[in-house]
Amino acid sequence: MADTTRFPIDFRSPAISHSQGNSFYNVNTLATWAATAIDFDLGVWEMIHTGDVDSYIYGLVTVPNTIGGTPAAKIILLVAANATTGNVRTRIATQAVANGENLNQASTLETEQTTTMPTTAFELEEISYTLTNAPVAKDLIMVEFRREATDTTNDTLAANLLVVEAYLEIDLS
């Protein structure tokens, strides 16, 4: 049986060289917690919903030293929205870089996905992408996450997409 583990992706930056302002880090105040009567302030990446632009965020994750012979690697994103209806169109690109390799290489685009968002505002939804290229131990994986709001046929969510967490899910044995 495989020992599947999740490693956090550190999303560090929004798009700056293109699509500026279409994604940003923000703190959302969630409902008051009954136990403490204090609001929970949750920091998330927000990807805007206007149909004339796409949103991008960029992050890094390191592949652990001990991975399985068939690592079955995935990128998992936990997202939410302050909305009760709509679909979101997303895509990821990855680039695995080993020690001594150039950071400026071609990336691998994974197939776009259309995800139906939950009918409850702020409910978590998991989006999963199986990686085309199996990573190698100790690789640095550069991750681009894109919301394709310009695809107005498939992206009908009329609210910002909130990226709550992101992971590299990989088999260690």
C-alpha atoms as a PDB file:
ATOM      1  CA  MET A   1       0.000   0.000   0.000  1.00  0.00           C
ATOM      2  CA  ALA A   2       1.293   3.456  -0.913  1.00  0.00           C
ATOM      3  CA  ASP A   3       2.185   6.016   1.740  1.00  0.00           C
ATOM      4  CA  THR A   4       0.554   9.094   0.173  1.00  0.00           C
ATOM      5  CA  THR A   5       1.545  12.426   1.717  1.00  0.00           C
ATOM      6  CA  ARG A   6       0.730  16.071   0.997  1.00  0.00           C
ATOM      7  CA  PHE A   7       3.398  18.794   0.980  1.00  0.00           C
ATOM      8  CA  PRO A   8       2.290  22.463   0.991  1.00  0.00           C
ATOM      9  CA  ILE A   9       2.910  24.590  -2.083  1.00  0.00           C
ATOM     10  CA  ASP A  10       4.211  28.027  -1.171  1.00  0.00           C
ATOM     11  CA  PHE A  11       2.371  30.416  -3.486  1.00  0.00           C
ATOM     12  CA  ARG A  12       4.640  33.440  -3.361  1.00  0.00           C
ATOM     13  CA  SER A  13       3.555  35.871  -6.029  1.00  0.00           C
ATOM     14  CA  PRO A  14       0.790  37.005  -8.341  1.00  0.00           C
ATOM     15  CA  ALA A  15       1.448  37.757 -11.998  1.00  0.00           C
ATOM     16  CA  ILE A  16       3.504  40.956 -12.261  1.00  0.00           C
ATOM     17  CA  SER A  17       5.048  40.802 -15.767  1.00  0.00           C
ATOM     18  CA  HIS A  18       1.518  40.294 -17.184  1.00  0.00           C
ATOM     19  CA  SER A  19      -2.080  40.391 -15.880  1.00  0.00           C
ATOM     20  CA  GLN A  20      -1.189  42.698 -12.976  1.00  0.00           C
ATOM     21  CA  GLY A  21      -3.855  43.116 -10.334  1.00  0.00           C
ATOM     22  CA  ASN A  22      -5.907  40.122 -11.438  1.00  0.00           C
ATOM     23  CA  SER A  23      -4.862  38.090  -8.406  1.00  0.00           C
ATOM     24  CA  PHE A  24      -3.894  39.288  -4.958  1.00  0.00           C
ATOM     25  CA  TYR A  25      -3.372  38.125  -1.380  1.00  0.00           C
ATOM     26  CA  ASN A  26      -6.205  39.174   0.904  1.00  0.00           C
ATOM     27  CA  VAL A  27      -7.499  38.527   4.394  1.00  0.00           C
ATOM     28  CA  ASN A  28     -11.170  37.517   4.660  1.00  0.00           C
ATOM     29  CA  THR A  29     -13.048  37.680   7.936  1.00  0.00           C
ATOM     30  CA  LEU A  30     -15.122  34.561   8.498  1.00  0.00           C
ATOM     31  CA  ALA A  31     -18.137  34.287  10.813  1.00  0.00           C
ATOM     32  CA  THR A  32     -17.672  34.725  14.543  1.00  0.00           C
ATOM     33  CA  TRP A  33     -16.505  31.604  16.310  1.00  0.00           C
ATOM     34  CA  ALA A  34     -18.931  30.727  19.089  1.00  0.00           C
ATOM     35  CA  ALA A  35     -16.210  29.403  21.399  1.00  0.00           C
ATOM     36  CA  THR A  36     -14.202  32.632  21.397  1.00  0.00           C
ATOM     37  CA  ALA A  37     -16.599  35.259  20.006  1.00  0.00           C
ATOM     38  CA  ILE A  38     -13.707  36.436  17.832  1.00  0.00           C
ATOM     39  CA  ASP A  39     -13.700  36.500  14.033  1.00  0.00           C
ATOM     40  CA  PHE A  40     -11.336  34.148  12.200  1.00  0.00           C
ATOM     41  CA  ASP A  41      -9.239  36.125   9.724  1.00  0.00           C
ATOM     42  CA  LEU A  42      -8.238  33.819   6.868  1.00  0.00           C
ATOM     43  CA  GLY A  43      -5.482  34.824   4.439  1.00  0.00           C
ATOM     44  CA  VAL A  44      -6.123  33.569   0.893  1.00  0.00           C
ATOM     45  CA  TRP A  45      -5.105  34.271  -2.688  1.00  0.00           C
ATOM     46  CA  GLU A  46      -8.019  35.820  -4.598  1.00  0.00           C
ATOM     47  CA  MET A  47      -8.393  35.367  -8.354  1.00  0.00           C
ATOM     48  CA  ILE A  48     -10.789  37.876  -9.886  1.00  0.00           C
ATOM     49  CA  HIS A  49     -13.892  36.917 -11.817  1.00  0.00           C
ATOM     50  CA  THR A  50     -14.238  39.480 -14.588  1.00  0.00           C
ATOM     51  CA  GLY A  51     -14.517  37.803 -17.976  1.00  0.00           C
ATOM     52  CA  ASP A  52     -11.937  39.936 -19.742  1.00  0.00           C
ATOM     53  CA  VAL A  53      -8.819  38.743 -17.863  1.00  0.00           C
ATOM     54  CA  ASP A  54      -7.199  35.598 -16.508  1.00  0.00           C
ATOM     55  CA  SER A  55      -5.578  35.422 -13.048  1.00  0.00           C
ATOM     56  CA  TYR A  56      -2.265  33.769 -12.165  1.00  0.00           C
ATOM     57  CA  ILE A  57      -0.344  32.897  -8.986  1.00  0.00           C
ATOM     58  CA  TYR A  58       3.081  31.270  -8.727  1.00  0.00           C
ATOM     59  CA  GLY A  59       4.587  28.984  -6.111  1.00  0.00           C
ATOM     60  CA  LEU A  60       7.206  26.413  -5.224  1.00  0.00           C
ATOM     61  CA  VAL A  61       7.331  23.000  -3.589  1.00  0.00           C
ATOM     62  CA  THR A  62      10.258  20.600  -3.105  1.00  0.00           C
ATOM     63  CA  VAL A  63       9.861  16.887  -3.832  1.00  0.00           C
ATOM     64  CA  PRO A  64      10.836  14.835  -0.759  1.00  0.00           C
ATOM     65  CA  ASN A  65      14.007  12.732  -0.756  1.00  0.00           C
ATOM     66  CA  THR A  66      12.139   9.451  -0.534  1.00  0.00           C
ATOM     67  CA  ILE A  67       9.434   8.977  -3.137  1.00  0.00           C
ATOM     68  CA  GLY A  68       7.860   5.836  -4.514  1.00  0.00           C
ATOM     69  CA  GLY A  69       8.963   4.164  -7.735  1.00  0.00           C
ATOM     70  CA  THR A  70       5.632   5.273  -9.170  1.00  0.00           C
ATOM     71  CA  PRO A  71       5.005   8.492  -7.219  1.00  0.00           C
ATOM     72  CA  ALA A  72       1.486   9.190  -8.610  1.00  0.00           C
ATOM     73  CA  ALA A  73       2.113  12.903  -8.102  1.00  0.00           C
ATOM     74  CA  LYS A  74      -0.773  15.381  -8.076  1.00  0.00           C
ATOM     75  CA  ILE A  75      -1.251  19.056  -7.451  1.00  0.00           C
ATOM     76  CA  ILE A  76      -4.241  19.553  -5.142  1.00  0.00           C
ATOM     77  CA  LEU A  77      -5.897  22.938  -4.641  1.00  0.00           C
ATOM     78  CA  LEU A  78      -8.484  23.690  -1.961  1.00  0.00           C
ATOM     79  CA  VAL A  79     -10.626  26.569  -3.180  1.00  0.00           C
ATOM     80  CA  ALA A  80     -13.798  28.380  -2.146  1.00  0.00           C
ATOM     81  CA  ALA A  81     -15.905  31.363  -3.188  1.00  0.00           C
ATOM     82  CA  ASN A  82     -18.393  33.726  -1.621  1.00  0.00           C
ATOM     83  CA  ALA A  83     -21.042  32.487  -4.053  1.00  0.00           C
ATOM     84  CA  THR A  84     -23.687  29.773  -4.273  1.00  0.00           C
ATOM     85  CA  THR A  85     -23.627  28.960  -7.985  1.00  0.00           C
ATOM     86  CA  GLY A  86     -21.236  28.741 -10.911  1.00  0.00           C
ATOM     87  CA  ASN A  87     -18.338  26.883 -12.463  1.00  0.00           C
ATOM     88  CA  VAL A  88     -14.677  27.838 -12.445  1.00  0.00           C
ATOM     89  CA  ARG A  89     -12.188  27.079 -15.261  1.00  0.00           C
ATOM     90  CA  THR A  90      -8.604  26.477 -14.106  1.00  0.00           C
ATOM     91  CA  ARG A  91      -5.280  25.169 -15.322  1.00  0.00           C
ATOM     92  CA  ILE A  92      -1.839  24.496 -13.879  1.00  0.00           C
ATOM     93  CA  ALA A  93       1.609  24.432 -15.379  1.00  0.00           C
ATOM     94  CA  THR A  94       4.627  22.895 -13.675  1.00  0.00           C
ATOM     95  CA  GLN A  95       8.357  22.789 -14.153  1.00  0.00           C
ATOM     96  CA  ALA A  96      10.614  20.459 -12.167  1.00  0.00           C
ATOM     97  CA  VAL A  97      14.143  21.761 -11.667  1.00  0.00           C
ATOM     98  CA  ALA A  98      17.005  19.713 -10.251  1.00  0.00           C
ATOM     99  CA  ASN A  99      20.126  21.059  -8.583  1.00  0.00           C
ATOM    100  CA  GLY A 100      22.413  22.512 -11.256  1.00  0.00           C
ATOM    101  CA  GLU A 101      19.584  23.026 -13.788  1.00  0.00           C
ATOM    102  CA  ASN A 102      18.321  26.283 -15.236  1.00  0.00           C
ATOM    103  CA  LEU A 103      15.171  27.793 -13.674  1.00  0.00           C
ATOM    104  CA  ASN A 104      14.179  29.256 -17.035  1.00  0.00           C
ATOM    105  CA  GLN A 105      12.895  26.180 -18.899  1.00  0.00           C
ATOM    106  CA  ALA A 106       9.688  25.236 -20.670  1.00  0.00           C
ATOM    107  CA  SER A 107       6.850  24.212 -18.363  1.00  0.00           C
ATOM    108  CA  THR A 108       4.322  21.402 -18.738  1.00  0.00           C
ATOM    109  CA  LEU A 109       0.709  22.509 -19.145  1.00  0.00           C
ATOM    110  CA  GLU A 110      -1.848  20.183 -17.645  1.00  0.00           C
ATOM    111  CA  THR A 111      -5.350  19.824 -19.103  1.00  0.00           C
ATOM    112  CA  GLU A 112      -7.794  22.595 -18.191  1.00  0.00           C
ATOM    113  CA  GLN A 113     -10.577  21.692 -15.802  1.00  0.00           C
ATOM    114  CA  THR A 114     -14.046  23.034 -15.233  1.00  0.00           C
ATOM    115  CA  THR A 115     -15.156  22.599 -11.623  1.00  0.00           C
ATOM    116  CA  THR A 116     -18.691  23.101 -10.350  1.00  0.00           C
ATOM    117  CA  MET A 117     -18.470  25.118  -7.165  1.00  0.00           C
ATOM    118  CA  PRO A 118     -20.529  24.179  -4.084  1.00  0.00           C
ATOM    119  CA  THR A 119     -23.970  25.673  -3.505  1.00  0.00           C
ATOM    120  CA  THR A 120     -22.901  26.983  -0.083  1.00  0.00           C
ATOM    121  CA  ALA A 121     -20.756  30.117   0.146  1.00  0.00           C
ATOM    122  CA  PHE A 122     -17.202  29.532   1.441  1.00  0.00           C
ATOM    123  CA  GLU A 123     -17.528  25.732   1.204  1.00  0.00           C
ATOM    124  CA  LEU A 124     -14.223  24.057   0.319  1.00  0.00           C
ATOM    125  CA  GLU A 125     -13.874  22.386  -3.074  1.00  0.00           C
ATOM    126  CA  GLU A 126     -10.862  20.285  -4.071  1.00  0.00           C
ATOM    127  CA  ILE A 127      -9.382  20.572  -7.564  1.00  0.00           C
ATOM    128  CA  SER A 128      -6.886  17.843  -8.450  1.00  0.00           C
ATOM    129  CA  TYR A 129      -4.367  17.661 -11.305  1.00  0.00           C
ATOM    130  CA  THR A 130      -2.363  14.482 -11.948  1.00  0.00           C
ATOM    131  CA  LEU A 131       1.083  15.501 -13.158  1.00  0.00           C
ATOM    132  CA  THR A 132       2.014  14.400 -16.680  1.00  0.00           C
ATOM    133  CA  ASN A 133       5.711  14.145 -15.800  1.00  0.00           C
ATOM    134  CA  ALA A 134       6.638  12.187 -12.673  1.00  0.00           C
ATOM    135  CA  PRO A 135       8.876  14.278 -10.411  1.00  0.00           C
ATOM    136  CA  VAL A 136      12.249  13.127  -9.133  1.00  0.00           C
ATOM    137  CA  ALA A 137      13.413  13.222  -5.503  1.00  0.00           C
ATOM    138  CA  LYS A 138      14.713  16.658  -4.426  1.00  0.00           C
ATOM    139  CA  ASP A 139      13.373  18.442  -7.537  1.00  0.00           C
ATOM    140  CA  LEU A 140      12.072  21.953  -7.014  1.00  0.00           C
ATOM    141  CA  ILE A 141       8.660  22.134  -8.673  1.00  0.00           C
ATOM    142  CA  MET A 142       7.621  25.555  -9.903  1.00  0.00           C
ATOM    143  CA  VAL A 143       3.805  25.789 -10.068  1.00  0.00           C
ATOM    144  CA  GLU A 144       1.628  28.226 -11.984  1.00  0.00           C
ATOM    145  CA  PHE A 145      -2.082  28.217 -11.146  1.00  0.00           C
ATOM    146  CA  ARG A 146      -4.393  30.054 -13.534  1.00  0.00           C
ATOM    147  CA  ARG A 147      -8.072  30.929 -13.401  1.00  0.00           C
ATOM    148  CA  GLU A 148      -9.297  31.216 -16.984  1.00  0.00           C
ATOM    149  CA  ALA A 149     -12.060  33.782 -16.464  1.00  0.00           C
ATOM    150  CA  THR A 150     -11.824  34.721 -20.161  1.00  0.00           C
ATOM    151  CA  ASP A 151     -13.426  31.343 -20.932  1.00  0.00           C
ATOM    152  CA  THR A 152     -16.886  32.720 -20.146  1.00  0.00           C
ATOM    153  CA  THR A 153     -18.580  29.585 -21.486  1.00  0.00           C
ATOM    154  CA  ASN A 154     -16.928  27.391 -18.831  1.00  0.00           C
ATOM    155  CA  ASP A 155     -16.117  29.926 -16.079  1.00  0.00           C
ATOM    156  CA  THR A 156     -19.482  31.201 -14.844  1.00  0.00           C
ATOM    157  CA  LEU A 157     -18.575  31.884 -11.207  1.00  0.00           C
ATOM    158  CA  ALA A 158     -19.461  35.548 -10.614  1.00  0.00           C
ATOM    159  CA  ALA A 159     -17.175  35.857  -7.589  1.00  0.00           C
ATOM    160  CA  ASN A 160     -13.476  35.801  -6.853  1.00  0.00           C
ATOM    161  CA  LEU A 161     -11.972  32.331  -6.505  1.00  0.00           C
ATOM    162  CA  LEU A 162     -10.270  31.942  -3.115  1.00  0.00           C
ATOM    163  CA  VAL A 163      -7.213  29.666  -3.012  1.00  0.00           C
ATOM    164  CA  VAL A 164      -7.186  28.445   0.592  1.00  0.00           C
ATOM    165  CA  GLU A 165      -4.459  25.776   0.373  1.00  0.00           C
ATOM    166  CA  ALA A 166      -2.392  23.960  -2.242  1.00  0.00           C
ATOM    167  CA  TYR A 167      -0.386  20.747  -2.044  1.00  0.00           C
ATOM    168  CA  LEU A 168       1.899  18.384  -3.890  1.00  0.00           C
ATOM    169  CA  GLU A 169       0.368  14.971  -3.156  1.00  0.00           C
ATOM    170  CA  ILE A 170       2.858  12.180  -3.742  1.00  0.00           C
ATOM    171  CA  ASP A 171       3.456   8.518  -2.868  1.00  0.00           C
ATOM    172  CA  LEU A 172       6.467   7.979  -0.644  1.00  0.00           C
ATOM    173  CA  SER A 173       6.577   4.203  -0.978  1.00  0.00           C
END
